[in-house]
Amino acid sequence: MSIKIENKITAYEVVKPEGDISNAKEDNVTAIAPLLERDPVLVGNTYKIKTPHSEHAMYITINDVVVNKDQAAEHRRPFEIFINTKNMEHFMWIVTLTRIISAIFRKGGDVTFLVEELKAVFDPRGGYYKKGGKYMPSIVAEIGEVIQQHLISIGMLEGTLSSPELAAKKQAIKEKLGDSALQNALQCPKCAGMSLVRMDGCDTCLECGHSKCG
């Protein structure tokens, strides 16, 4: 129905019908969680990586914030990561990686996905065996393993920390199988290590224990 306007228009107002989505209450809007705040003093750990590809070691420091301090739900969360090395060949990507990982840490939430993403990175020039015989597909993958061990130590991931006893057990199995079996080892579909061997009739990973026989 049209309405004829007889007088001059001096002002106007937009009237919205009931049920318009723009009339929704503001309390229905979910706010994004604030970033974690940095305490003046952080608790953390420093890990050393030494690869056969470089004469210089890498030192990875992961600092944590304490959430719900002095309460029953008190726990640690990673807040920032620093990677130091004298090898300037890696300087640019190390700076990039530390800034991205630290930004993800500070956003909070589930950060455990970083472990699998980093451990899945392969060096086109080939990987290497770290001390103890574990295969690493790249330096980035070993950084991912360091983060994994740190998250396990603060209770954010389930798993078993590396120990001399575990390393000795793996070494005994490797000696039993012989060098030829290790040289022909395949890549494990679970941990990506070149440590999948035939043992007791089953394909078994010497690193993570994955077996096709269950």
C-alpha atoms as a PDB file:
ATOM      1  CA  MET A   1       0.000   0.000   0.000  1.00  0.00           C
ATOM      2  CA  SER A   2       1.445   3.371  -1.037  1.00  0.00           C
ATOM      3  CA  ILE A   3       1.177   6.592   0.981  1.00  0.00           C
ATOM      4  CA  LYS A   4       1.201   9.999  -0.672  1.00  0.00           C
ATOM      5  CA  ILE A   5       3.471  12.500   1.090  1.00  0.00           C
ATOM      6  CA  GLU A   6       1.942  15.990   1.098  1.00  0.00           C
ATOM      7  CA  ASN A   7       4.509  17.850   3.233  1.00  0.00           C
ATOM      8  CA  LYS A   8       8.232  18.470   2.724  1.00  0.00           C
ATOM      9  CA  ILE A   9      10.520  15.726   4.136  1.00  0.00           C
ATOM     10  CA  THR A  10      12.732  17.128   6.918  1.00  0.00           C
ATOM     11  CA  ALA A  11      13.921  13.871   8.567  1.00  0.00           C
ATOM     12  CA  TYR A  12      13.576  10.107   8.279  1.00  0.00           C
ATOM     13  CA  GLU A  13      13.970   6.952  10.376  1.00  0.00           C
ATOM     14  CA  VAL A  14      14.507   3.345   9.264  1.00  0.00           C
ATOM     15  CA  VAL A  15      12.065   1.042  11.015  1.00  0.00           C
ATOM     16  CA  LYS A  16      13.087  -2.629  11.113  1.00  0.00           C
ATOM     17  CA  PRO A  17      10.455  -5.349  11.301  1.00  0.00           C
ATOM     18  CA  GLU A  18      10.306  -7.647  14.293  1.00  0.00           C
ATOM     19  CA  GLY A  19      12.421 -10.769  13.983  1.00  0.00           C
ATOM     20  CA  ASP A  20      15.102  -8.982  11.945  1.00  0.00           C
ATOM     21  CA  ILE A  21      18.465 -10.668  12.560  1.00  0.00           C
ATOM     22  CA  SER A  22      20.044  -7.304  13.274  1.00  0.00           C
ATOM     23  CA  ASN A  23      17.812  -7.011  16.374  1.00  0.00           C
ATOM     24  CA  ALA A  24      19.507 -10.013  18.006  1.00  0.00           C
ATOM     25  CA  LYS A  25      20.712  -9.393  21.521  1.00  0.00           C
ATOM     26  CA  GLU A  26      24.392  -8.564  21.898  1.00  0.00           C
ATOM     27  CA  ASP A  27      24.791 -11.180  24.619  1.00  0.00           C
ATOM     28  CA  ASN A  28      24.485 -13.887  21.946  1.00  0.00           C
ATOM     29  CA  VAL A  29      27.849 -12.855  20.492  1.00  0.00           C
ATOM     30  CA  THR A  30      30.728 -15.074  21.621  1.00  0.00           C
ATOM     31  CA  ALA A  31      33.924 -13.134  22.237  1.00  0.00           C
ATOM     32  CA  ILE A  32      37.324 -14.457  21.218  1.00  0.00           C
ATOM     33  CA  ALA A  33      39.374 -15.603  24.213  1.00  0.00           C
ATOM     34  CA  PRO A  34      42.120 -13.130  25.187  1.00  0.00           C
ATOM     35  CA  LEU A  35      45.741 -13.989  24.516  1.00  0.00           C
ATOM     36  CA  LEU A  36      47.777 -15.479  27.339  1.00  0.00           C
ATOM     37  CA  GLU A  37      49.561 -12.818  29.362  1.00  0.00           C
ATOM     38  CA  ARG A  38      53.279 -13.002  30.029  1.00  0.00           C
ATOM     39  CA  ASP A  39      54.364 -13.207  33.651  1.00  0.00           C
ATOM     40  CA  PRO A  40      57.495 -11.236  34.686  1.00  0.00           C
ATOM     41  CA  VAL A  41      59.314 -14.539  35.287  1.00  0.00           C
ATOM     42  CA  LEU A  42      58.615 -17.702  33.287  1.00  0.00           C
ATOM     43  CA  VAL A  43      59.588 -21.288  33.997  1.00  0.00           C
ATOM     44  CA  GLY A  44      60.961 -23.328  31.121  1.00  0.00           C
ATOM     45  CA  ASN A  45      63.395 -25.884  29.773  1.00  0.00           C
ATOM     46  CA  THR A  46      66.241 -25.793  27.264  1.00  0.00           C
ATOM     47  CA  TYR A  47      66.894 -28.735  24.922  1.00  0.00           C
ATOM     48  CA  LYS A  48      69.956 -29.419  22.789  1.00  0.00           C
ATOM     49  CA  ILE A  49      69.834 -30.727  19.210  1.00  0.00           C
ATOM     50  CA  LYS A  50      73.013 -31.860  17.460  1.00  0.00           C
ATOM     51  CA  THR A  51      72.687 -33.092  13.893  1.00  0.00           C
ATOM     52  CA  PRO A  52      75.372 -34.633  11.657  1.00  0.00           C
ATOM     53  CA  HIS A  53      74.520 -31.971   9.045  1.00  0.00           C
ATOM     54  CA  SER A  54      76.095 -29.163  11.083  1.00  0.00           C
ATOM     55  CA  GLU A  55      79.033 -28.757  13.433  1.00  0.00           C
ATOM     56  CA  HIS A  56      76.961 -26.335  15.513  1.00  0.00           C
ATOM     57  CA  ALA A  57      74.260 -27.471  17.906  1.00  0.00           C
ATOM     58  CA  MET A  58      70.794 -25.958  18.285  1.00  0.00           C
ATOM     59  CA  TYR A  59      69.464 -24.935  21.681  1.00  0.00           C
ATOM     60  CA  ILE A  60      65.676 -24.844  21.997  1.00  0.00           C
ATOM     61  CA  THR A  61      64.163 -23.036  24.971  1.00  0.00           C
ATOM     62  CA  ILE A  62      60.427 -23.370  25.689  1.00  0.00           C
ATOM     63  CA  ASN A  63      59.034 -21.092  28.390  1.00  0.00           C
ATOM     64  CA  ASP A  64      55.695 -21.730  30.097  1.00  0.00           C
ATOM     65  CA  VAL A  65      53.108 -19.667  31.929  1.00  0.00           C
ATOM     66  CA  VAL A  66      51.439 -21.034  35.044  1.00  0.00           C
ATOM     67  CA  VAL A  67      47.641 -20.978  34.684  1.00  0.00           C
ATOM     68  CA  ASN A  68      45.331 -20.956  37.757  1.00  0.00           C
ATOM     69  CA  LYS A  69      48.301 -20.518  40.069  1.00  0.00           C
ATOM     70  CA  ASP A  70      47.864 -21.810  43.636  1.00  0.00           C
ATOM     71  CA  GLN A  71      44.572 -23.472  42.685  1.00  0.00           C
ATOM     72  CA  ALA A  72      43.570 -27.097  42.253  1.00  0.00           C
ATOM     73  CA  ALA A  73      43.490 -26.627  38.472  1.00  0.00           C
ATOM     74  CA  GLU A  74      47.020 -25.158  38.328  1.00  0.00           C
ATOM     75  CA  HIS A  75      48.949 -26.219  35.228  1.00  0.00           C
ATOM     76  CA  ARG A  76      51.634 -25.044  32.822  1.00  0.00           C
ATOM     77  CA  ARG A  77      51.108 -23.981  29.235  1.00  0.00           C
ATOM     78  CA  PRO A  78      53.809 -23.171  26.654  1.00  0.00           C
ATOM     79  CA  PHE A  79      54.076 -19.439  25.998  1.00  0.00           C
ATOM     80  CA  GLU A  80      57.118 -18.892  23.797  1.00  0.00           C
ATOM     81  CA  ILE A  81      59.962 -20.698  22.080  1.00  0.00           C
ATOM     82  CA  PHE A  82      63.503 -19.609  21.247  1.00  0.00           C
ATOM     83  CA  ILE A  83      65.960 -21.440  18.998  1.00  0.00           C
ATOM     84  CA  ASN A  84      69.627 -20.437  19.062  1.00  0.00           C
ATOM     85  CA  THR A  85      72.476 -21.689  16.896  1.00  0.00           C
ATOM     86  CA  LYS A  86      75.745 -20.417  15.484  1.00  0.00           C
ATOM     87  CA  ASN A  87      74.810 -21.862  12.088  1.00  0.00           C
ATOM     88  CA  MET A  88      73.645 -18.760  10.182  1.00  0.00           C
ATOM     89  CA  GLU A  89      72.492 -20.924   7.261  1.00  0.00           C
ATOM     90  CA  HIS A  90      69.245 -21.569   9.137  1.00  0.00           C
ATOM     91  CA  PHE A  91      68.785 -18.078  10.593  1.00  0.00           C
ATOM     92  CA  MET A  92      65.864 -16.876   8.439  1.00  0.00           C
ATOM     93  CA  TRP A  93      63.601 -19.913   8.774  1.00  0.00           C
ATOM     94  CA  ILE A  94      64.439 -20.321  12.464  1.00  0.00           C
ATOM     95  CA  VAL A  95      63.307 -16.751  13.212  1.00  0.00           C
ATOM     96  CA  THR A  96      60.136 -17.325  11.186  1.00  0.00           C
ATOM     97  CA  LEU A  97      59.392 -20.634  12.893  1.00  0.00           C
ATOM     98  CA  THR A  98      59.927 -19.314  16.417  1.00  0.00           C
ATOM     99  CA  ARG A  99      57.640 -16.320  15.834  1.00  0.00           C
ATOM    100  CA  ILE A 100      54.840 -18.438  14.361  1.00  0.00           C
ATOM    101  CA  ILE A 101      55.041 -21.127  17.063  1.00  0.00           C
ATOM    102  CA  SER A 102      55.184 -18.513  19.847  1.00  0.00           C
ATOM    103  CA  ALA A 103      52.121 -16.766  18.373  1.00  0.00           C
ATOM    104  CA  ILE A 104      50.212 -20.068  18.379  1.00  0.00           C
ATOM    105  CA  PHE A 105      51.277 -20.757  21.986  1.00  0.00           C
ATOM    106  CA  ARG A 106      50.000 -17.344  23.109  1.00  0.00           C
ATOM    107  CA  LYS A 107      46.589 -17.843  21.530  1.00  0.00           C
ATOM    108  CA  GLY A 108      45.981 -20.715  23.948  1.00  0.00           C
ATOM    109  CA  GLY A 109      43.689 -23.617  23.168  1.00  0.00           C
ATOM    110  CA  ASP A 110      44.935 -26.913  21.769  1.00  0.00           C
ATOM    111  CA  VAL A 111      48.499 -26.464  20.502  1.00  0.00           C
ATOM    112  CA  THR A 112      49.369 -30.163  20.373  1.00  0.00           C
ATOM    113  CA  PHE A 113      48.665 -30.295  16.620  1.00  0.00           C
ATOM    114  CA  LEU A 114      52.032 -28.581  16.094  1.00  0.00           C
ATOM    115  CA  VAL A 115      53.843 -31.793  16.994  1.00  0.00           C
ATOM    116  CA  GLU A 116      52.474 -33.888  14.130  1.00  0.00           C
ATOM    117  CA  GLU A 117      52.724 -31.006  11.650  1.00  0.00           C
ATOM    118  CA  LEU A 118      56.419 -30.434  12.379  1.00  0.00           C
ATOM    119  CA  LYS A 119      57.318 -34.127  12.590  1.00  0.00           C
ATOM    120  CA  ALA A 120      55.822 -34.646   9.121  1.00  0.00           C
ATOM    121  CA  VAL A 121      58.356 -32.272   7.480  1.00  0.00           C
ATOM    122  CA  PHE A 122      60.941 -34.059   5.341  1.00  0.00           C
ATOM    123  CA  ASP A 123      64.271 -32.680   4.151  1.00  0.00           C
ATOM    124  CA  PRO A 124      64.646 -33.272   0.383  1.00  0.00           C
ATOM    125  CA  ARG A 125      68.378 -33.783   0.971  1.00  0.00           C
ATOM    126  CA  GLY A 126      67.626 -36.692   3.279  1.00  0.00           C
ATOM    127  CA  GLY A 127      67.255 -37.190   7.001  1.00  0.00           C
ATOM    128  CA  TYR A 128      69.713 -38.421   9.595  1.00  0.00           C
ATOM    129  CA  TYR A 129      70.064 -40.723  12.573  1.00  0.00           C
ATOM    130  CA  LYS A 130      70.333 -38.960  15.915  1.00  0.00           C
ATOM    131  CA  LYS A 131      72.333 -40.275  18.850  1.00  0.00           C
ATOM    132  CA  GLY A 132      70.811 -43.574  19.925  1.00  0.00           C
ATOM    133  CA  GLY A 133      69.905 -44.591  16.375  1.00  0.00           C
ATOM    134  CA  LYS A 134      66.527 -42.848  15.946  1.00  0.00           C
ATOM    135  CA  TYR A 135      65.862 -41.598  12.441  1.00  0.00           C
ATOM    136  CA  MET A 136      64.879 -37.966  11.910  1.00  0.00           C
ATOM    137  CA  PRO A 137      63.494 -36.922   8.492  1.00  0.00           C
ATOM    138  CA  SER A 138      64.568 -33.288   9.056  1.00  0.00           C
ATOM    139  CA  ILE A 139      65.762 -30.754  11.617  1.00  0.00           C
ATOM    140  CA  VAL A 140      62.216 -29.357  11.741  1.00  0.00           C
ATOM    141  CA  ALA A 141      60.932 -32.838  12.609  1.00  0.00           C
ATOM    142  CA  GLU A 142      63.369 -33.032  15.521  1.00  0.00           C
ATOM    143  CA  ILE A 143      62.166 -29.629  16.738  1.00  0.00           C
ATOM    144  CA  GLY A 144      58.672 -31.126  16.641  1.00  0.00           C
ATOM    145  CA  GLU A 145      59.884 -34.038  18.756  1.00  0.00           C
ATOM    146  CA  VAL A 146      61.391 -31.622  21.293  1.00  0.00           C
ATOM    147  CA  ILE A 147      58.042 -29.828  21.569  1.00  0.00           C
ATOM    148  CA  GLN A 148      56.353 -33.224  21.978  1.00  0.00           C
ATOM    149  CA  GLN A 149      58.658 -34.198  24.840  1.00  0.00           C
ATOM    150  CA  HIS A 150      58.078 -30.825  26.487  1.00  0.00           C
ATOM    151  CA  LEU A 151      54.281 -31.093  26.221  1.00  0.00           C
ATOM    152  CA  ILE A 152      54.457 -34.582  27.731  1.00  0.00           C
ATOM    153  CA  SER A 153      56.580 -33.292  30.613  1.00  0.00           C
ATOM    154  CA  ILE A 154      54.027 -30.576  31.529  1.00  0.00           C
ATOM    155  CA  GLY A 155      51.037 -32.897  31.124  1.00  0.00           C
ATOM    156  CA  MET A 156      49.540 -31.518  27.892  1.00  0.00           C
ATOM    157  CA  LEU A 157      50.215 -34.713  25.947  1.00  0.00           C
ATOM    158  CA  GLU A 158      50.046 -38.336  26.924  1.00  0.00           C
ATOM    159  CA  GLY A 159      53.145 -40.354  26.256  1.00  0.00           C
ATOM    160  CA  THR A 160      56.409 -41.603  27.645  1.00  0.00           C
ATOM    161  CA  LEU A 161      59.440 -39.397  28.122  1.00  0.00           C
ATOM    162  CA  SER A 162      62.717 -40.571  26.653  1.00  0.00           C
ATOM    163  CA  SER A 163      64.869 -42.374  29.189  1.00  0.00           C
ATOM    164  CA  PRO A 164      68.227 -44.205  29.245  1.00  0.00           C
ATOM    165  CA  GLU A 165      66.401 -47.461  30.073  1.00  0.00           C
ATOM    166  CA  LEU A 166      64.144 -47.143  27.025  1.00  0.00           C
ATOM    167  CA  ALA A 167      67.091 -46.282  24.794  1.00  0.00           C
ATOM    168  CA  ALA A 168      69.012 -49.308  26.087  1.00  0.00           C
ATOM    169  CA  LYS A 169      66.048 -51.613  25.371  1.00  0.00           C
ATOM    170  CA  LYS A 170      65.790 -50.355  21.806  1.00  0.00           C
ATOM    171  CA  GLN A 171      69.514 -50.751  21.318  1.00  0.00           C
ATOM    172  CA  ALA A 172      69.347 -54.397  22.491  1.00  0.00           C
ATOM    173  CA  ILE A 173      66.610 -55.136  19.924  1.00  0.00           C
ATOM    174  CA  LYS A 174      68.654 -53.501  17.185  1.00  0.00           C
ATOM    175  CA  GLU A 175      71.704 -55.576  18.077  1.00  0.00           C
ATOM    176  CA  LYS A 176      69.575 -58.725  18.006  1.00  0.00           C
ATOM    177  CA  LEU A 177      68.259 -57.974  14.528  1.00  0.00           C
ATOM    178  CA  GLY A 178      71.642 -57.050  13.088  1.00  0.00           C
ATOM    179  CA  ASP A 179      72.823 -54.284  10.785  1.00  0.00           C
ATOM    180  CA  SER A 180      71.275 -55.760   7.635  1.00  0.00           C
ATOM    181  CA  ALA A 181      67.742 -55.565   9.071  1.00  0.00           C
ATOM    182  CA  LEU A 182      68.233 -51.950  10.133  1.00  0.00           C
ATOM    183  CA  GLN A 183      69.648 -50.952   6.760  1.00  0.00           C
ATOM    184  CA  ASN A 184      66.524 -52.320   5.088  1.00  0.00           C
ATOM    185  CA  ALA A 185      64.154 -50.700   7.587  1.00  0.00           C
ATOM    186  CA  LEU A 186      61.061 -49.040   6.129  1.00  0.00           C
ATOM    187  CA  GLN A 187      59.320 -45.856   7.129  1.00  0.00           C
ATOM    188  CA  CYS A 188      56.853 -46.171   9.991  1.00  0.00           C
ATOM    189  CA  PRO A 189      53.356 -44.930   9.022  1.00  0.00           C
ATOM    190  CA  LYS A 190      52.786 -43.662  12.566  1.00  0.00           C
ATOM    191  CA  CYS A 191      55.949 -41.832  13.649  1.00  0.00           C
ATOM    192  CA  ALA A 192      57.576 -41.444  10.183  1.00  0.00           C
ATOM    193  CA  GLY A 193      60.857 -42.896  11.445  1.00  0.00           C
ATOM    194  CA  MET A 194      62.923 -45.154   9.208  1.00  0.00           C
ATOM    195  CA  SER A 195      62.669 -47.910  11.805  1.00  0.00           C
ATOM    196  CA  LEU A 196      59.976 -50.361  10.632  1.00  0.00           C
ATOM    197  CA  VAL A 197      61.504 -53.850  10.623  1.00  0.00           C
ATOM    198  CA  ARG A 198      60.274 -57.439  10.407  1.00  0.00           C
ATOM    199  CA  MET A 199      60.331 -58.908  13.908  1.00  0.00           C
ATOM    200  CA  ASP A 200      58.637 -62.105  15.091  1.00  0.00           C
ATOM    201  CA  GLY A 201      56.614 -62.241  11.880  1.00  0.00           C
ATOM    202  CA  CYS A 202      55.276 -58.677  12.190  1.00  0.00           C
ATOM    203  CA  ASP A 203      56.297 -55.303  10.853  1.00  0.00           C
ATOM    204  CA  THR A 204      57.271 -53.448  14.035  1.00  0.00           C
ATOM    205  CA  CYS A 205      58.591 -49.929  14.588  1.00  0.00           C
ATOM    206  CA  LEU A 206      61.621 -49.791  16.871  1.00  0.00           C
ATOM    207  CA  GLU A 207      60.852 -46.185  17.802  1.00  0.00           C
ATOM    208  CA  CYS A 208      57.154 -45.899  18.628  1.00  0.00           C
ATOM    209  CA  GLY A 209      56.249 -49.612  18.898  1.00  0.00           C
ATOM    210  CA  HIS A 210      53.682 -49.512  16.083  1.00  0.00           C
ATOM    211  CA  SER A 211      52.872 -52.983  14.780  1.00  0.00           C
ATOM    212  CA  LYS A 212      50.548 -54.251  12.073  1.00  0.00           C
ATOM    213  CA  CYS A 213      49.801 -57.209  14.332  1.00  0.00           C
ATOM    214  CA  GLY A 214      48.354 -54.925  17.009  1.00  0.00           C
END
